[in-house]
C-alpha atoms as a PDB file:
ATOM      1  CA  VAL A   1       0.014   0.014   0.002  1.00  0.00           C
ATOM      2  CA  ASN A   2       1.493   3.279  -1.046  1.00  0.00           C
ATOM      3  CA  ALA A   3       0.103   6.731  -0.348  1.00  0.00           C
ATOM      4  CA  ASP A   4       1.245  10.326   0.257  1.00  0.00           C
ATOM      5  CA  SER A   5      -1.024  10.340   3.317  1.00  0.00           C
ATOM      6  CA  ILE A   6      -2.313   7.406   5.375  1.00  0.00           C
ATOM      7  CA  THR A   7      -5.164   8.048   7.790  1.00  0.00           C
ATOM      8  CA  ILE A   8      -5.469   6.302  11.151  1.00  0.00           C
ATOM      9  CA  THR A   9      -8.433   4.268   9.852  1.00  0.00           C
ATOM     10  CA  GLU A  10      -6.448   3.114   6.768  1.00  0.00           C
ATOM     11  CA  TYR A  11      -3.535   2.234   9.000  1.00  0.00           C
ATOM     12  CA  HIS A  12      -5.598   0.006  11.277  1.00  0.00           C
ATOM     13  CA  GLU A  13      -7.319  -1.613   8.293  1.00  0.00           C
ATOM     14  CA  HIS A  14      -4.008  -2.606   6.692  1.00  0.00           C
ATOM     15  CA  ILE A  15      -2.467  -3.712  10.041  1.00  0.00           C
ATOM     16  CA  ALA A  16      -5.462  -6.042  10.421  1.00  0.00           C
ATOM     17  CA  ALA A  17      -4.753  -7.342   6.908  1.00  0.00           C
ATOM     18  CA  GLY A  18      -1.168  -8.237   7.796  1.00  0.00           C
ATOM     19  CA  SER A  19       0.732  -5.052   6.919  1.00  0.00           C
ATOM     20  CA  SER A  20       2.752  -4.295   9.976  1.00  0.00           C
ATOM     21  CA  LEU A  21       5.475  -1.818   8.911  1.00  0.00           C
ATOM     22  CA  LEU A  22       4.781   1.875   8.396  1.00  0.00           C
ATOM     23  CA  LEU A  23       7.618   3.303   6.427  1.00  0.00           C
ATOM     24  CA  GLY A  24       8.549   6.740   5.156  1.00  0.00           C
ATOM     25  CA  ALA A  25       7.143  10.188   6.044  1.00  0.00           C
ATOM     26  CA  PRO A  26       4.349  10.660   8.574  1.00  0.00           C
ATOM     27  CA  ALA A  27       0.838  11.096   7.312  1.00  0.00           C
ATOM     28  CA  VAL A  28      -0.069  14.673   6.276  1.00  0.00           C
ATOM     29  CA  SER A  29      -3.234  16.316   5.060  1.00  0.00           C
ATOM     30  CA  SER A  30      -3.415  17.369   1.424  1.00  0.00           C
ATOM     31  CA  SER A  31      -3.656  21.020   2.561  1.00  0.00           C
ATOM     32  CA  SER A  32      -0.233  20.820   4.305  1.00  0.00           C
ATOM     33  CA  VAL A  33       1.655  19.408   1.250  1.00  0.00           C
ATOM     34  CA  ASP A  34       4.446  21.762   0.236  1.00  0.00           C
ATOM     35  CA  LEU A  35       3.814  22.358  -3.468  1.00  0.00           C
ATOM     36  CA  ASP A  36       7.290  23.914  -3.842  1.00  0.00           C
ATOM     37  CA  VAL A  37       9.026  20.582  -3.144  1.00  0.00           C
ATOM     38  CA  PRO A  38       9.659  18.540  -6.335  1.00  0.00           C
ATOM     39  CA  GLN A  39       7.594  15.333  -6.386  1.00  0.00           C
ATOM     40  CA  LYS A  40      10.738  13.216  -6.856  1.00  0.00           C
ATOM     41  CA  LYS A  41      12.145  14.542  -3.555  1.00  0.00           C
ATOM     42  CA  LYS A  42       9.004  13.824  -1.528  1.00  0.00           C
ATOM     43  CA  ILE A  43       9.209  10.868   0.838  1.00  0.00           C
ATOM     44  CA  GLU A  44       6.414   8.402   0.161  1.00  0.00           C
ATOM     45  CA  THR A  45       4.597   6.829   3.032  1.00  0.00           C
ATOM     46  CA  LYS A  46       3.858   3.172   2.718  1.00  0.00           C
ATOM     47  CA  LEU A  47       2.562   0.236   4.656  1.00  0.00           C
ATOM     48  CA  CYS A  48       4.019  -3.169   3.949  1.00  0.00           C
ATOM     49  CA  LYS A  49       4.062  -6.634   5.380  1.00  0.00           C
ATOM     50  CA  GLY A  50       6.968  -7.492   7.603  1.00  0.00           C
ATOM     51  CA  SER A  51       8.307  -7.770  11.101  1.00  0.00           C
ATOM     52  CA  LEU A  52      11.003  -6.113  13.166  1.00  0.00           C
ATOM     53  CA  ARG A  53      13.513  -8.334  11.433  1.00  0.00           C
ATOM     54  CA  GLU A  54      12.497  -6.987   8.041  1.00  0.00           C
ATOM     55  CA  ILE A  55      13.297  -3.438   9.109  1.00  0.00           C
ATOM     56  CA  ILE A  56      16.891  -4.217   8.363  1.00  0.00           C
ATOM     57  CA  ASP A  57      16.152  -4.552   4.670  1.00  0.00           C
ATOM     58  CA  HIS A  58      14.564  -1.056   4.631  1.00  0.00           C
ATOM     59  CA  VAL A  59      17.208   0.668   6.722  1.00  0.00           C
ATOM     60  CA  HIS A  60      20.568  -0.909   5.844  1.00  0.00           C
ATOM     61  CA  SER A  61      22.299  -0.099   2.596  1.00  0.00           C
ATOM     62  CA  ASP A  62      25.851  -0.899   1.397  1.00  0.00           C
ATOM     63  CA  GLU A  63      25.869   2.567  -0.191  1.00  0.00           C
ATOM     64  CA  ASN A  64      25.295   4.244   3.138  1.00  0.00           C
ATOM     65  CA  PRO A  65      27.779   3.315   5.901  1.00  0.00           C
ATOM     66  CA  HIS A  66      25.808   5.277   8.606  1.00  0.00           C
ATOM     67  CA  SER A  67      22.456   3.568   8.928  1.00  0.00           C
ATOM     68  CA  ILE A  68      20.698   4.295  12.238  1.00  0.00           C
ATOM     69  CA  ILE A  69      17.659   2.951  14.042  1.00  0.00           C
ATOM     70  CA  PHE A  70      16.176   5.034  16.888  1.00  0.00           C
ATOM     71  CA  ASP A  71      14.254   2.862  19.334  1.00  0.00           C
ATOM     72  CA  CYS A  72      11.951   5.130  21.380  1.00  0.00           C
ATOM     73  CA  THR A  73       9.836   2.286  22.764  1.00  0.00           C
ATOM     74  CA  GLY A  74      10.037   0.309  25.970  1.00  0.00           C
ATOM     75  CA  ASP A  75       9.032  -2.889  24.182  1.00  0.00           C
ATOM     76  CA  THR A  76      10.928  -6.106  25.053  1.00  0.00           C
ATOM     77  CA  ALA A  77      10.357  -7.482  21.557  1.00  0.00           C
ATOM     78  CA  VAL A  78      12.048  -4.492  20.030  1.00  0.00           C
ATOM     79  CA  GLY A  79      14.882  -4.633  22.607  1.00  0.00           C
ATOM     80  CA  ALA A  80      15.474  -8.199  21.667  1.00  0.00           C
ATOM     81  CA  MET A  81      16.202  -7.068  18.102  1.00  0.00           C
ATOM     82  CA  HIS A  82      19.009  -4.735  19.026  1.00  0.00           C
ATOM     83  CA  ALA A  83      21.722  -7.277  18.621  1.00  0.00           C
ATOM     84  CA  GLU A  84      20.373  -8.290  15.198  1.00  0.00           C
ATOM     85  CA  TRP A  85      20.343  -4.696  13.988  1.00  0.00           C
ATOM     86  CA  LEU A  86      23.907  -4.146  15.245  1.00  0.00           C
ATOM     87  CA  LYS A  87      25.140  -7.381  13.568  1.00  0.00           C
ATOM     88  CA  ALA A  88      23.682  -6.031  10.242  1.00  0.00           C
ATOM     89  CA  GLY A  89      25.884  -2.946  10.579  1.00  0.00           C
ATOM     90  CA  ILE A  90      23.119  -0.595  11.802  1.00  0.00           C
ATOM     91  CA  ASN A  91      23.904   1.907  14.572  1.00  0.00           C
ATOM     92  CA  VAL A  92      21.270   1.871  17.359  1.00  0.00           C
ATOM     93  CA  VAL A  93      20.229   4.854  19.470  1.00  0.00           C
ATOM     94  CA  THR A  94      17.845   3.714  22.157  1.00  0.00           C
ATOM     95  CA  ALA A  95      15.732   4.835  25.044  1.00  0.00           C
ATOM     96  CA  ASN A  96      14.660   1.226  25.432  1.00  0.00           C
ATOM     97  CA  SER A  97      16.572  -0.384  28.372  1.00  0.00           C
ATOM     98  CA  THR A  98      15.202  -3.895  27.677  1.00  0.00           C
ATOM     99  CA  GLY A  99      17.995  -4.646  25.258  1.00  0.00           C
ATOM    100  CA  LEU A 100      20.665  -4.781  27.920  1.00  0.00           C
ATOM    101  CA  ALA A 101      18.244  -5.692  30.662  1.00  0.00           C
ATOM    102  CA  GLY A 102      17.163  -8.874  28.886  1.00  0.00           C
ATOM    103  CA  CYS A 103      18.625 -12.374  29.253  1.00  0.00           C
ATOM    104  CA  LYS A 104      22.364 -12.820  29.814  1.00  0.00           C
ATOM    105  CA  ALA A 105      22.912 -14.169  26.274  1.00  0.00           C
ATOM    106  CA  GLN A 106      21.272 -11.086  24.817  1.00  0.00           C
ATOM    107  CA  ARG A 107      23.402  -8.721  26.921  1.00  0.00           C
ATOM    108  CA  ASP A 108      26.637 -10.601  26.149  1.00  0.00           C
ATOM    109  CA  GLU A 109      25.861 -10.495  22.430  1.00  0.00           C
ATOM    110  CA  ILE A 110      25.281  -6.730  22.417  1.00  0.00           C
ATOM    111  CA  LYS A 111      28.479  -6.133  24.464  1.00  0.00           C
ATOM    112  CA  ALA A 112      30.510  -8.373  22.188  1.00  0.00           C
ATOM    113  CA  ILE A 113      29.370  -6.385  19.179  1.00  0.00           C
ATOM    114  CA  GLU A 114      30.158  -3.121  20.967  1.00  0.00           C
ATOM    115  CA  ARG A 115      33.711  -4.279  21.540  1.00  0.00           C
ATOM    116  CA  THR A 116      34.234  -4.566  17.817  1.00  0.00           C
ATOM    117  CA  LYS A 117      33.712  -0.767  17.543  1.00  0.00           C
ATOM    118  CA  LYS A 118      32.174  -1.329  14.045  1.00  0.00           C
ATOM    119  CA  VAL A 119      28.802   0.149  15.065  1.00  0.00           C
ATOM    120  CA  ASN A 120      27.598   2.343  17.885  1.00  0.00           C
ATOM    121  CA  TYR A 121      25.112   1.350  20.526  1.00  0.00           C
ATOM    122  CA  LEU A 122      24.027   4.634  22.262  1.00  0.00           C
ATOM    123  CA  ARG A 123      21.751   4.153  25.309  1.00  0.00           C
ATOM    124  CA  GLU A 124      22.515   7.215  27.421  1.00  0.00           C
ATOM    125  CA  VAL A 125      18.891   8.381  27.373  1.00  0.00           C
ATOM    126  CA  ALA A 126      17.698   5.054  28.740  1.00  0.00           C
ATOM    127  CA  VAL A 127      19.084   5.962  32.202  1.00  0.00           C
ATOM    128  CA  GLY A 128      18.662   9.049  34.365  1.00  0.00           C
ATOM    129  CA  GLY A 129      16.074  10.749  32.114  1.00  0.00           C
ATOM    130  CA  GLY A 130      18.732  11.668  29.555  1.00  0.00           C
ATOM    131  CA  LEU A 131      21.270  13.008  32.088  1.00  0.00           C
ATOM    132  CA  PRO A 132      24.892  12.096  31.095  1.00  0.00           C
ATOM    133  CA  VAL A 133      25.241   9.454  33.788  1.00  0.00           C
ATOM    134  CA  LEU A 134      26.689   6.626  31.683  1.00  0.00           C
ATOM    135  CA  SER A 135      29.143   8.696  29.750  1.00  0.00           C
ATOM    136  CA  THR A 136      30.338  10.381  32.938  1.00  0.00           C
ATOM    137  CA  LEU A 137      31.023   7.072  34.639  1.00  0.00           C
ATOM    138  CA  ARG A 138      32.675   5.736  31.507  1.00  0.00           C
ATOM    139  CA  ASP A 139      34.990   8.730  31.341  1.00  0.00           C
ATOM    140  CA  LEU A 140      35.885   8.398  34.960  1.00  0.00           C
ATOM    141  CA  TRP A 141      36.802   4.792  34.507  1.00  0.00           C
ATOM    142  CA  SER A 142      38.727   5.498  31.302  1.00  0.00           C
ATOM    143  CA  SER A 143      40.801   8.149  33.118  1.00  0.00           C
ATOM    144  CA  GLY A 144      41.840   5.726  35.850  1.00  0.00           C
ATOM    145  CA  ASP A 145      39.535   6.822  38.603  1.00  0.00           C
ATOM    146  CA  THR A 146      37.944   4.432  41.018  1.00  0.00           C
ATOM    147  CA  ILE A 147      34.243   4.798  41.693  1.00  0.00           C
ATOM    148  CA  ARG A 148      33.475   3.569  45.184  1.00  0.00           C
ATOM    149  CA  ARG A 149      29.886   4.740  45.570  1.00  0.00           C
ATOM    150  CA  VAL A 150      27.084   6.371  43.552  1.00  0.00           C
ATOM    151  CA  ASP A 151      24.290   8.172  45.392  1.00  0.00           C
ATOM    152  CA  GLY A 152      21.100   9.314  43.727  1.00  0.00           C
ATOM    153  CA  VAL A 153      17.353   9.010  43.375  1.00  0.00           C
ATOM    154  CA  LEU A 154      16.855   5.736  41.467  1.00  0.00           C
ATOM    155  CA  SER A 155      13.156   6.248  40.927  1.00  0.00           C
ATOM    156  CA  VAL A 156      11.536   9.692  40.860  1.00  0.00           C
ATOM    157  CA  SER A 157       8.079   8.178  41.153  1.00  0.00           C
ATOM    158  CA  MET A 158       8.963   6.135  44.257  1.00  0.00           C
ATOM    159  CA  SER A 159      10.788   9.106  45.757  1.00  0.00           C
ATOM    160  CA  TYR A 160       7.620  11.228  45.387  1.00  0.00           C
ATOM    161  CA  ILE A 161       5.334   8.463  46.740  1.00  0.00           C
ATOM    162  CA  MET A 162       7.554   7.872  49.818  1.00  0.00           C
ATOM    163  CA  HIS A 163       7.788  11.633  50.354  1.00  0.00           C
ATOM    164  CA  ARG A 164       4.011  11.889  50.351  1.00  0.00           C
ATOM    165  CA  ILE A 165       3.414   8.842  52.595  1.00  0.00           C
ATOM    166  CA  ALA A 166       5.959   9.961  55.131  1.00  0.00           C
ATOM    167  CA  PRO A 167       7.054  13.614  54.663  1.00  0.00           C
ATOM    168  CA  PRO A 168      10.606  13.972  55.992  1.00  0.00           C
ATOM    169  CA  PRO A 169      11.300  16.101  59.088  1.00  0.00           C
ATOM    170  CA  GLY A 170      11.849  19.725  58.298  1.00  0.00           C
ATOM    171  CA  VAL A 171       9.741  19.754  55.112  1.00  0.00           C
ATOM    172  CA  TYR A 172       7.856  22.790  56.339  1.00  0.00           C
ATOM    173  CA  ALA A 173      11.109  24.642  56.948  1.00  0.00           C
ATOM    174  CA  CYS A 174      12.364  23.727  53.487  1.00  0.00           C
ATOM    175  CA  SER A 175       9.186  25.133  51.905  1.00  0.00           C
ATOM    176  CA  ALA A 176       9.463  28.297  54.015  1.00  0.00           C
ATOM    177  CA  PHE A 177      13.093  28.748  52.961  1.00  0.00           C
ATOM    178  CA  ASP A 178      12.172  28.230  49.261  1.00  0.00           C
ATOM    179  CA  GLU A 179       9.513  30.904  49.505  1.00  0.00           C
ATOM    180  CA  SER A 180      11.800  33.333  51.255  1.00  0.00           C
ATOM    181  CA  ILE A 181      14.819  32.846  48.968  1.00  0.00           C
ATOM    182  CA  THR A 182      12.713  33.288  45.842  1.00  0.00           C
ATOM    183  CA  HIS A 183      10.986  36.380  47.280  1.00  0.00           C
ATOM    184  CA  GLY A 184       7.650  34.760  46.991  1.00  0.00           C
ATOM    185  CA  ALA A 185       8.074  33.456  43.475  1.00  0.00           C
ATOM    186  CA  TYR A 186       7.765  29.949  44.802  1.00  0.00           C
ATOM    187  CA  LYS A 187       4.732  29.100  46.895  1.00  0.00           C
ATOM    188  CA  ASP A 188       4.130  25.670  48.298  1.00  0.00           C
ATOM    189  CA  SER A 189       0.331  26.070  47.784  1.00  0.00           C
ATOM    190  CA  GLU A 190       1.013  26.557  44.035  1.00  0.00           C
ATOM    191  CA  SER A 191       3.596  23.788  43.605  1.00  0.00           C
ATOM    192  CA  MET A 192       3.365  20.775  41.288  1.00  0.00           C
ATOM    193  CA  SER A 193       0.573  19.241  43.291  1.00  0.00           C
ATOM    194  CA  PRO A 194      -1.351  22.249  44.660  1.00  0.00           C
ATOM    195  CA  ASP A 195      -4.321  20.172  45.825  1.00  0.00           C
ATOM    196  CA  ALA A 196      -2.169  18.107  48.140  1.00  0.00           C
ATOM    197  CA  ASN A 197      -1.064  19.164  51.556  1.00  0.00           C
ATOM    198  CA  GLN A 198       2.604  18.369  51.327  1.00  0.00           C
ATOM    199  CA  MET A 199       3.003  18.774  55.099  1.00  0.00           C
ATOM    200  CA  LYS A 200       0.687  15.949  56.055  1.00  0.00           C
ATOM    201  CA  PRO A 201       1.120  12.231  55.139  1.00  0.00           C
ATOM    202  CA  CYS A 202      -1.372  10.679  52.783  1.00  0.00           C
ATOM    203  CA  SER A 203      -2.380   7.147  51.781  1.00  0.00           C
ATOM    204  CA  PHE A 204      -0.371   5.049  49.319  1.00  0.00           C
ATOM    205  CA  ARG A 205      -3.266   5.115  46.899  1.00  0.00           C
ATOM    206  CA  GLN A 206      -3.473   8.860  46.977  1.00  0.00           C
ATOM    207  CA  ALA A 207       0.241   9.259  46.456  1.00  0.00           C
ATOM    208  CA  VAL A 208       0.152   6.942  43.438  1.00  0.00           C
ATOM    209  CA  LYS A 209      -2.732   8.889  41.910  1.00  0.00           C
ATOM    210  CA  GLU A 210      -0.810  12.163  42.329  1.00  0.00           C
ATOM    211  CA  ALA A 211       2.395  10.640  40.823  1.00  0.00           C
ATOM    212  CA  ILE A 212       0.382   9.488  37.764  1.00  0.00           C
ATOM    213  CA  ALA A 213      -1.326  12.796  37.431  1.00  0.00           C
ATOM    214  CA  LEU A 214       2.043  14.593  37.565  1.00  0.00           C
ATOM    215  CA  GLY A 215       3.516  12.361  34.888  1.00  0.00           C
ATOM    216  CA  LEU A 216       6.125  10.856  37.209  1.00  0.00           C
ATOM    217  CA  MET A 217       5.163   7.249  36.704  1.00  0.00           C
ATOM    218  CA  GLU A 218       6.436   5.096  33.892  1.00  0.00           C
ATOM    219  CA  GLU A 219       4.205   3.709  31.096  1.00  0.00           C
ATOM    220  CA  ASP A 220       3.179   0.685  33.198  1.00  0.00           C
ATOM    221  CA  PRO A 221       2.654   1.800  36.814  1.00  0.00           C
ATOM    222  CA  ILE A 222       2.774  -1.803  38.058  1.00  0.00           C
ATOM    223  CA  LEU A 223       6.301  -2.338  36.665  1.00  0.00           C
ATOM    224  CA  ASP A 224       7.237   1.057  38.090  1.00  0.00           C
ATOM    225  CA  LEU A 225       5.947   0.210  41.649  1.00  0.00           C
ATOM    226  CA  ASN A 226       7.656  -3.194  41.704  1.00  0.00           C
ATOM    227  CA  ASN A 227      10.918  -1.469  40.698  1.00  0.00           C
ATOM    228  CA  GLU A 228      11.336  -3.403  37.445  1.00  0.00           C
ATOM    229  CA  TYR A 229      12.116  -0.209  35.529  1.00  0.00           C
ATOM    230  CA  THR A 230      14.744   0.723  38.092  1.00  0.00           C
ATOM    231  CA  ALA A 231      16.241  -2.804  37.962  1.00  0.00           C
ATOM    232  CA  ARG A 232      16.526  -2.475  34.153  1.00  0.00           C
ATOM    233  CA  CYS A 233      18.531   0.786  34.455  1.00  0.00           C
ATOM    234  CA  LEU A 234      20.829  -0.739  37.082  1.00  0.00           C
END
């Protein structure tokens, strides 16, 4: 199926018929088509049959030595394909931690390919919300430093929930200090969760509801609460 624009309805119809790969440019309305762009330069959108393995045929080219796949999912099936893509000579940039957090054989295969230095496996954004944690640790090791201990908040959602269930001593003084140092620009009553009284403990259920509403939880709250996401990063 080829089209300059594929609607959501058409997409689901063709997925149901067995077409599982959406390739090319995103769908656009006819009114947004740039008429100044020559037709031969426009990227055609198409749906075709295939699987994650067949992506290699559409991405890799002997004429282009710098093929890249960006994995912005958290899907274990996609993570299991990282080694296959790397072996095919495709660089992988991933926010999906399941590649290295999978079975030992999968981790060992990815690491072995990394050591060849023929392709790049960039997963910095998979840990620490995109903060340069991994590269900083790697640079320290490479320079001969010894890392004895790493302190930090391993789960922002669990940190928030624990804070709400059992507010730490001095939380009122901290809020008062923040208000004074910002000359009133910060007000605890107008913080991220203005409906919650941060000074008083709440139930676990209420804390989880607030964390979800604030966008602090991962895609699957259950896997977040049982620390599976945190374990993947570690």
